[in-house]
Amino acid sequence: MRVRRCEILMFESQEQVAFKLESLLEGGNGMVRTLQWLALAPHLGDSVMVSSAQREVLGTLSPSLWTDVDTLGSATRLELDALIDHGLVVMEAPAVGSVAERQRRDDDRLRAAHWHPLGAILHAFTRWDSVDAVKNTQDSGTETAAGMRDVLGPPPAVTRSEGQGDAVALPHAEPDAFDALLQRRATCRNFDDSRPLPMALFTRMLGRVFAAQAKIRVGDDLVFHKKNSPSGGGLHPMEAYLIVQQVEGIAPGLYRYLADSHSLLPLTAPDQPLRDFIMESVGQQHWFANAHCLVTMVPRFDRSFWKYRRHAKGYRVVTLEAGHLSQTLYLSATDLGLGAFITGAINEKHLERGFGLDPIQQGALAVCGFGWRAQHMETAELDPLEQVWQRVG
């Protein structure tokens, strides 16, 4: 049997703190601290606790060359079975249909995706599942701005750079129509679910934000798209996966938006009511759940990393694209008289299951949405210029 270490692997030294009565009775403070090693391998998705001996074995195995286990020492052989079970060591010829075969396949796909190791670790181990973001803020007392100040203390002071001489005052330009549009842009947390969104507005939003405006073909198998937002390397890896709730002419459900043909591909319905699926998707943030259309931004990592192979900036460029697209979505919605939002407090693993995504080659990065703004503000919105909501009294 021949084995090798998985492609990407890092270790985290983690401290566990537990109360032990024996410690208190012996004159201590009752808190016992133990250190443990966690192995972080993106193809597994979850961290694995390993012993110091297992960590040392992993440090002796090559991630690229196969090693015959008969050449390993007896101490190494003792730890090897556990490491294979964990998926941190993969076999060259695992049994068909076994867990080891699936782990080997996932490791192979990770190798083929050309991830930078740090980017792969960040992506894999910051994804949520079944997190209630609203309850977390309530439990921590940080649900309001005043609560954040009380719990967290004052924010860091803004530092001023040491300059040469006094600051130069700049003249204020006379505002025009575009300035007025920018001032009306505000995150919507109050959607009106009593009326459907017209097809004309829905299709215009998708066309402005996500559609390919032009195509440049380079050979038979390479096409570059021109869109209304910038993209690293002109690759535009971000795809739009939709949750449609209330749009004229479109049945509620899950869809994939096809940017090159400006069309919707229906997907398999979730195995729970649509509203429940949405609430779990946005971490129970109910103020976003009434949006007429929610869009999961799904980057095709394999498309970006096809060019930026194991590049230190590859993942950063992809995340920047979500910001570009969300601002285009905000301004387009504002121009059309609609509300819009974006949130990163999402349960990525839930969305991956619902849309059938492969987290090695794809991923749920953020959820945005748009629709009619409600007539009354029930959930607070940040609109200090009172461009959207006018103060009464």
Protein backbone atom coordinates (compact mmCIF):
# COMPACT_ATOMS: atom_id res chain seq x y z
CA MET A 1 0.00 0.00 0.00
CA ARG A 2 1.26 3.46 -0.89
CA VAL A 3 0.16 6.70 0.77
CA ARG A 4 0.82 10.42 0.70
CA ARG A 5 -0.18 13.42 2.78
CA CYS A 6 -3.14 15.51 1.65
CA GLU A 7 -2.44 18.52 -0.57
CA ILE A 8 -3.04 21.40 1.88
CA LEU A 9 -2.56 21.01 5.62
CA MET A 10 -1.96 23.43 8.45
CA PHE A 11 -1.95 23.06 12.21
CA GLU A 12 -3.53 25.20 14.89
CA SER A 13 -2.50 25.03 18.53
CA GLN A 14 -5.73 25.53 20.48
CA GLU A 15 -6.23 25.99 24.19
CA GLN A 16 -9.19 24.33 25.90
CA VAL A 17 -10.36 25.78 29.22
CA ALA A 18 -12.57 23.74 31.56
CA PHE A 19 -13.66 24.01 35.19
CA LYS A 20 -12.37 21.24 37.45
CA LEU A 21 -13.45 21.09 41.09
CA GLU A 22 -10.27 19.24 41.98
CA SER A 23 -8.22 22.23 40.87
CA LEU A 24 -10.25 24.52 43.11
CA LEU A 25 -9.91 22.21 46.11
CA GLU A 26 -6.15 22.05 45.58
CA GLY A 27 -5.86 25.81 45.87
CA GLY A 28 -6.13 26.74 42.20
CA ASN A 29 -8.79 28.86 40.53
CA GLY A 30 -10.67 25.84 39.22
CA MET A 31 -9.78 26.50 35.59
CA VAL A 32 -7.72 23.83 33.86
CA ARG A 33 -6.07 24.62 30.54
CA THR A 34 -5.00 21.99 28.05
CA LEU A 35 -3.39 22.44 24.65
CA GLN A 36 -4.37 20.39 21.64
CA TRP A 37 -3.39 20.30 17.98
CA LEU A 38 -6.02 20.80 15.27
CA ALA A 39 -5.27 19.79 11.70
CA LEU A 40 -6.88 22.05 9.10
CA ALA A 41 -7.34 20.38 5.72
CA PRO A 42 -9.71 22.19 3.32
CA HIS A 43 -10.79 19.07 1.44
CA LEU A 44 -12.34 17.77 4.68
CA GLY A 45 -14.18 20.95 5.68
CA ASP A 46 -13.89 20.32 9.42
CA SER A 47 -10.87 20.47 11.70
CA VAL A 48 -9.41 17.24 13.06
CA MET A 49 -7.81 16.88 16.49
CA VAL A 50 -4.50 15.03 16.23
CA SER A 51 -1.91 13.89 18.73
CA SER A 52 1.61 15.23 18.78
CA ALA A 53 2.81 11.90 17.41
CA GLN A 54 0.34 12.06 14.51
CA ARG A 55 1.41 15.64 13.78
CA GLU A 56 5.01 14.51 13.54
CA VAL A 57 4.09 11.66 11.18
CA LEU A 58 2.26 14.11 8.90
CA GLY A 59 5.42 16.20 8.84
CA THR A 60 7.40 13.29 7.43
CA LEU A 61 5.04 12.35 4.56
CA SER A 62 5.27 14.03 1.18
CA PRO A 63 2.12 15.67 -0.24
CA SER A 64 3.28 14.93 -3.80
CA LEU A 65 5.21 11.63 -3.76
CA TRP A 66 3.69 8.27 -2.88
CA THR A 67 5.37 6.40 -0.02
CA ASP A 68 5.28 2.64 0.44
CA VAL A 69 4.10 2.02 4.00
CA ASP A 70 6.51 -0.91 4.29
CA THR A 71 9.37 1.60 4.30
CA LEU A 72 7.97 3.44 7.32
CA GLY A 73 9.05 2.76 10.86
CA SER A 74 6.90 0.85 13.30
CA ALA A 75 6.00 3.98 15.28
CA THR A 76 4.77 5.68 12.10
CA ARG A 77 2.72 2.63 11.12
CA LEU A 78 0.91 2.76 14.47
CA GLU A 79 -0.39 6.28 13.75
CA LEU A 80 -1.03 5.78 10.03
CA ASP A 81 -4.42 4.05 10.24
CA ALA A 82 -5.89 6.89 12.31
CA LEU A 83 -4.55 9.49 9.87
CA ILE A 84 -6.06 7.59 6.93
CA ASP A 85 -9.39 7.40 8.76
CA HIS A 86 -9.25 11.17 9.32
CA GLY A 87 -8.52 11.79 5.62
CA LEU A 88 -5.25 13.58 6.38
CA VAL A 89 -3.37 10.79 4.64
CA VAL A 90 -4.77 9.40 1.39
CA MET A 91 -4.18 6.02 -0.20
CA GLU A 92 -3.11 5.52 -3.80
CA ALA A 93 -5.66 2.75 -4.39
CA PRO A 94 -8.47 2.91 -1.83
CA ALA A 95 -11.38 0.48 -1.93
CA VAL A 96 -14.11 1.49 -4.39
CA GLY A 97 -17.04 3.16 -2.64
CA SER A 98 -15.17 3.61 0.64
CA VAL A 99 -14.82 6.78 2.69
CA ALA A 100 -11.11 6.69 1.86
CA GLU A 101 -11.94 6.80 -1.86
CA ARG A 102 -14.15 9.87 -1.37
CA GLN A 103 -11.42 11.60 0.64
CA ARG A 104 -8.84 10.78 -2.04
CA ARG A 105 -11.19 12.15 -4.71
CA ASP A 106 -11.81 15.38 -2.76
CA ASP A 107 -8.08 15.85 -2.24
CA ASP A 108 -7.48 15.33 -5.98
CA ARG A 109 -10.12 17.93 -6.83
CA LEU A 110 -8.53 20.40 -4.42
CA ARG A 111 -5.18 19.88 -6.12
CA ALA A 112 -6.76 20.49 -9.53
CA ALA A 113 -8.44 23.73 -8.35
CA HIS A 114 -5.08 25.55 -7.87
CA TRP A 115 -5.97 27.15 -4.52
CA HIS A 116 -3.40 29.15 -2.62
CA PRO A 117 -3.07 27.29 0.72
CA LEU A 118 -3.98 30.26 2.93
CA GLY A 119 -6.96 31.16 0.74
CA ALA A 120 -8.20 27.57 0.85
CA ILE A 121 -7.93 27.47 4.65
CA LEU A 122 -9.76 30.79 5.02
CA HIS A 123 -12.57 29.75 2.70
CA ALA A 124 -13.07 26.29 4.15
CA PHE A 125 -13.02 27.17 7.83
CA THR A 126 -15.03 30.41 7.90
CA ARG A 127 -18.18 28.86 6.41
CA TRP A 128 -21.22 28.72 8.72
CA ASP A 129 -23.89 26.08 9.18
CA SER A 130 -27.05 26.52 11.31
CA VAL A 131 -25.80 29.79 12.80
CA ASP A 132 -28.49 32.20 14.10
CA ALA A 133 -26.79 35.56 13.62
CA VAL A 134 -29.69 37.45 15.19
CA LYS A 135 -29.71 35.38 18.38
CA ASN A 136 -25.94 35.74 18.65
CA THR A 137 -26.17 39.54 18.70
CA GLN A 138 -29.08 39.43 21.14
CA ASP A 139 -27.26 37.09 23.50
CA SER A 140 -24.11 39.19 23.38
CA GLY A 141 -26.00 42.46 23.95
CA THR A 142 -24.68 43.95 20.69
CA GLU A 143 -28.01 44.13 18.84
CA THR A 144 -28.07 47.96 18.87
CA ALA A 145 -25.42 50.63 18.40
CA ALA A 146 -25.78 51.64 22.06
CA GLY A 147 -25.44 48.00 23.09
CA MET A 148 -22.25 47.60 21.05
CA ARG A 149 -20.78 50.66 22.78
CA ASP A 150 -21.68 49.33 26.21
CA VAL A 151 -20.38 45.81 25.62
CA LEU A 152 -17.36 46.47 23.41
CA GLY A 153 -16.30 49.85 24.74
CA PRO A 154 -15.32 52.76 22.52
CA PRO A 155 -14.14 51.91 19.00
CA PRO A 156 -10.50 52.55 18.05
CA ALA A 157 -9.75 56.22 17.59
CA VAL A 158 -9.08 57.47 14.09
CA THR A 159 -5.37 58.14 13.80
CA ARG A 160 -4.10 61.12 11.86
CA SER A 161 -1.01 60.78 9.74
CA GLU A 162 1.93 63.04 10.42
CA GLY A 163 1.99 65.45 7.50
CA GLN A 164 4.04 68.37 6.32
CA GLY A 165 2.07 71.49 7.16
CA ASP A 166 -1.66 72.05 7.49
CA ALA A 167 -4.32 70.04 5.70
CA VAL A 168 -5.46 71.51 2.39
CA ALA A 169 -9.20 72.23 2.29
CA LEU A 170 -10.83 71.01 -0.92
CA PRO A 171 -13.76 72.78 -2.58
CA HIS A 172 -17.14 71.04 -2.53
CA ALA A 173 -18.52 70.27 -5.98
CA GLU A 174 -22.10 71.24 -6.75
CA PRO A 175 -24.17 68.03 -6.39
CA ASP A 176 -25.80 66.64 -9.51
CA ALA A 177 -28.25 63.83 -10.26
CA PHE A 178 -25.66 61.13 -9.66
CA ASP A 179 -24.82 62.57 -6.25
CA ALA A 180 -28.52 62.49 -5.40
CA LEU A 181 -28.67 58.82 -6.44
CA LEU A 182 -25.69 58.00 -4.22
CA GLN A 183 -27.30 59.75 -1.25
CA ARG A 184 -30.50 57.73 -1.66
CA ARG A 185 -28.56 54.47 -1.50
CA ALA A 186 -29.33 52.78 1.82
CA THR A 187 -29.53 49.16 2.92
CA CYS A 188 -33.16 48.06 2.93
CA ARG A 189 -34.37 46.11 5.96
CA ASN A 190 -38.07 46.63 5.30
CA PHE A 191 -39.54 44.96 2.22
CA ASP A 192 -43.16 45.11 1.09
CA ASP A 193 -44.25 41.53 0.46
CA SER A 194 -47.85 42.57 -0.23
CA ARG A 195 -47.24 43.24 -3.95
CA PRO A 196 -45.21 41.37 -6.57
CA LEU A 197 -42.23 42.80 -8.37
CA PRO A 198 -43.00 43.45 -12.06
CA MET A 199 -41.10 41.33 -14.56
CA ALA A 200 -39.74 44.49 -16.24
CA LEU A 201 -37.98 45.62 -13.06
CA PHE A 202 -36.79 42.12 -12.20
CA THR A 203 -35.22 41.46 -15.58
CA ARG A 204 -33.68 44.93 -15.72
CA MET A 205 -32.02 44.40 -12.35
CA LEU A 206 -30.51 41.08 -13.41
CA GLY A 207 -29.46 42.48 -16.76
CA ARG A 208 -27.72 45.49 -15.25
CA VAL A 209 -25.95 43.70 -12.44
CA PHE A 210 -25.14 40.18 -13.60
CA ALA A 211 -25.60 39.94 -17.39
CA ALA A 212 -22.81 39.80 -19.93
CA GLN A 213 -23.04 43.01 -21.96
CA ALA A 214 -20.63 41.74 -24.60
CA LYS A 215 -18.53 38.66 -25.33
CA ILE A 216 -14.97 38.34 -26.55
CA ARG A 217 -14.13 34.90 -27.92
CA VAL A 218 -10.52 33.73 -27.84
CA GLY A 219 -10.39 30.43 -29.69
CA ASP A 220 -13.01 27.71 -29.43
CA ASP A 221 -12.93 27.16 -25.67
CA LEU A 222 -12.29 30.57 -24.09
CA VAL A 223 -14.81 33.42 -23.85
CA PHE A 224 -14.40 36.64 -21.90
CA HIS A 225 -17.48 38.59 -20.81
CA LYS A 226 -17.84 42.34 -20.49
CA LYS A 227 -20.06 43.23 -17.54
CA ASN A 228 -21.04 46.43 -15.77
CA SER A 229 -18.71 45.77 -12.82
CA PRO A 230 -14.92 45.20 -12.79
CA SER A 231 -13.43 41.77 -12.31
CA GLY A 232 -9.91 40.55 -11.63
CA GLY A 233 -8.29 39.47 -14.88
CA GLY A 234 -11.60 40.12 -16.69
CA LEU A 235 -12.63 36.59 -15.67
CA HIS A 236 -15.97 37.38 -13.99
CA PRO A 237 -16.14 34.18 -11.91
CA MET A 238 -19.16 35.32 -9.88
CA GLU A 239 -22.43 33.58 -10.71
CA ALA A 240 -25.90 34.47 -9.42
CA TYR A 241 -28.04 31.79 -7.80
CA LEU A 242 -31.51 33.14 -7.14
CA ILE A 243 -34.23 32.56 -4.58
CA VAL A 244 -37.32 34.06 -6.20
CA GLN A 245 -40.25 34.77 -3.89
CA GLN A 246 -42.59 37.25 -5.48
CA VAL A 247 -41.92 38.19 -9.10
CA GLU A 248 -44.58 38.42 -11.79
CA GLY A 249 -44.37 35.51 -14.22
CA ILE A 250 -41.72 33.57 -12.24
CA ALA A 251 -42.71 30.67 -10.01
CA PRO A 252 -41.23 30.92 -6.49
CA GLY A 253 -38.18 28.71 -6.12
CA LEU A 254 -34.46 28.34 -6.76
CA TYR A 255 -32.81 29.36 -10.03
CA ARG A 256 -29.40 29.81 -11.58
CA TYR A 257 -29.02 32.96 -13.66
CA LEU A 258 -27.19 32.39 -16.95
CA ALA A 259 -25.26 35.57 -17.66
CA ASP A 260 -24.43 34.83 -21.29
CA SER A 261 -28.03 34.20 -22.39
CA HIS A 262 -29.89 36.37 -19.81
CA SER A 263 -32.08 33.46 -18.77
CA LEU A 264 -33.06 31.47 -15.67
CA LEU A 265 -32.35 27.79 -15.14
CA PRO A 266 -34.82 26.23 -12.64
CA LEU A 267 -33.17 24.17 -9.90
CA THR A 268 -34.45 21.46 -7.60
CA ALA A 269 -36.73 22.84 -4.90
CA PRO A 270 -35.35 22.78 -1.34
CA ASP A 271 -36.52 20.02 0.98
CA GLN A 272 -38.23 22.56 3.27
CA PRO A 273 -40.64 25.50 2.81
CA LEU A 274 -39.04 28.32 0.84
CA ARG A 275 -39.38 30.81 3.69
CA ASP A 276 -37.60 28.42 6.07
CA PHE A 277 -34.86 27.87 3.50
CA ILE A 278 -34.36 31.65 3.22
CA MET A 279 -34.30 32.25 6.97
CA GLU A 280 -31.64 29.59 7.43
CA SER A 281 -29.69 31.03 4.48
CA VAL A 282 -29.45 34.53 5.97
CA GLY A 283 -28.78 33.42 9.54
CA GLN A 284 -32.36 34.18 10.70
CA GLN A 285 -32.09 37.85 9.67
CA HIS A 286 -35.85 38.21 9.16
CA TRP A 287 -35.55 41.77 7.87
CA PHE A 288 -34.00 40.43 4.66
CA ALA A 289 -36.28 37.41 4.29
CA ASN A 290 -39.16 39.32 2.65
CA ALA A 291 -37.08 40.51 -0.30
CA HIS A 292 -38.77 39.69 -3.60
CA CYS A 293 -35.57 38.16 -4.97
CA LEU A 294 -32.49 37.05 -3.05
CA VAL A 295 -29.25 36.37 -4.89
CA THR A 296 -26.46 34.15 -3.60
CA MET A 297 -23.14 35.28 -5.04
CA VAL A 298 -21.38 32.08 -6.06
CA PRO A 299 -17.79 32.46 -7.30
CA ARG A 300 -16.37 29.90 -9.69
CA PHE A 301 -13.00 29.60 -7.97
CA ASP A 302 -11.77 27.21 -10.63
CA ARG A 303 -12.27 29.91 -13.28
CA SER A 304 -10.22 32.53 -11.39
CA PHE A 305 -7.56 30.10 -10.27
CA TRP A 306 -7.21 28.77 -13.81
CA LYS A 307 -5.27 32.00 -14.38
CA TYR A 308 -4.18 32.89 -10.83
CA ARG A 309 -2.83 29.47 -9.89
CA ARG A 310 -1.96 29.21 -6.18
CA HIS A 311 -1.74 33.00 -6.27
CA ALA A 312 -1.51 34.83 -2.94
CA LYS A 313 -4.04 37.44 -4.15
CA GLY A 314 -6.42 35.07 -5.96
CA TYR A 315 -9.00 34.71 -3.18
CA ARG A 316 -8.86 38.41 -2.33
CA VAL A 317 -9.65 39.39 -5.92
CA VAL A 318 -12.69 37.11 -5.90
CA THR A 319 -14.05 38.63 -2.69
CA LEU A 320 -13.53 42.13 -4.06
CA GLU A 321 -15.82 41.24 -6.94
CA ALA A 322 -18.73 40.67 -4.54
CA GLY A 323 -18.29 44.27 -3.38
CA HIS A 324 -18.26 45.60 -6.93
CA LEU A 325 -21.44 43.69 -7.80
CA SER A 326 -23.28 44.67 -4.64
CA GLN A 327 -22.65 48.37 -5.25
CA THR A 328 -23.93 48.03 -8.82
CA LEU A 329 -26.98 46.23 -7.42
CA TYR A 330 -27.59 48.97 -4.82
CA LEU A 331 -27.34 51.78 -7.34
CA SER A 332 -29.49 49.98 -9.91
CA ALA A 333 -32.17 49.27 -7.33
CA THR A 334 -32.09 52.84 -6.03
CA ASP A 335 -32.41 54.18 -9.58
CA LEU A 336 -35.49 51.97 -10.14
CA GLY A 337 -37.13 52.92 -6.86
CA LEU A 338 -36.37 49.60 -5.15
CA GLY A 339 -34.63 48.59 -1.94
CA ALA A 340 -31.52 46.43 -1.84
CA PHE A 341 -29.25 44.70 0.67
CA ILE A 342 -26.16 42.53 0.99
CA THR A 343 -25.09 40.39 3.94
CA GLY A 344 -22.12 38.17 4.68
CA ALA A 345 -23.82 36.69 7.78
CA ILE A 346 -24.99 33.61 5.91
CA ASN A 347 -24.95 29.85 6.43
CA GLU A 348 -22.75 28.88 3.52
CA LYS A 349 -22.95 25.12 4.01
CA HIS A 350 -26.76 25.25 4.01
CA LEU A 351 -26.71 27.20 0.73
CA GLU A 352 -24.19 24.79 -0.78
CA ARG A 353 -26.52 21.89 -0.02
CA GLY A 354 -29.60 23.73 -1.29
CA PHE A 355 -28.06 24.82 -4.60
CA GLY A 356 -25.93 21.70 -5.07
CA LEU A 357 -22.64 23.59 -4.96
CA ASP A 358 -19.16 22.12 -4.73
CA PRO A 359 -17.30 24.14 -2.05
CA ILE A 360 -13.92 23.26 -3.55
CA GLN A 361 -14.68 24.74 -6.96
CA GLN A 362 -17.56 27.04 -6.02
CA GLY A 363 -18.84 28.65 -2.86
CA ALA A 364 -21.55 30.82 -1.36
CA LEU A 365 -19.78 34.11 -0.64
CA ALA A 366 -22.61 36.53 0.20
CA VAL A 367 -26.36 36.99 -0.21
CA CYS A 368 -27.86 40.14 -1.68
CA GLY A 369 -31.41 40.95 -2.70
CA PHE A 370 -33.87 43.53 -3.95
CA GLY A 371 -37.56 44.35 -4.05
CA TRP A 372 -40.20 46.92 -3.16
CA ARG A 373 -39.42 48.92 -0.05
CA ALA A 374 -42.14 48.87 2.61
CA GLN A 375 -44.22 51.95 3.38
CA HIS A 376 -43.29 51.89 7.06
CA MET A 377 -39.96 51.28 8.79
CA GLU A 378 -40.30 48.51 11.36
CA THR A 379 -36.61 47.53 11.43
CA ALA A 380 -34.15 50.41 11.80
CA GLU A 381 -32.24 51.52 8.71
CA LEU A 382 -29.23 53.82 8.51
CA ASP A 383 -30.50 56.89 6.65
CA PRO A 384 -29.03 59.94 8.45
CA LEU A 385 -29.60 62.22 5.44
CA GLU A 386 -33.32 61.27 5.47
CA GLN A 387 -33.27 60.60 1.74
CA VAL A 388 -35.41 57.47 2.09
CA TRP A 389 -37.29 57.91 5.35
CA GLN A 390 -38.47 61.34 6.46
CA ARG A 391 -38.73 62.00 10.18
CA VAL A 392 -42.28 62.65 11.39
CA GLY A 393 -42.82 65.30 14.06
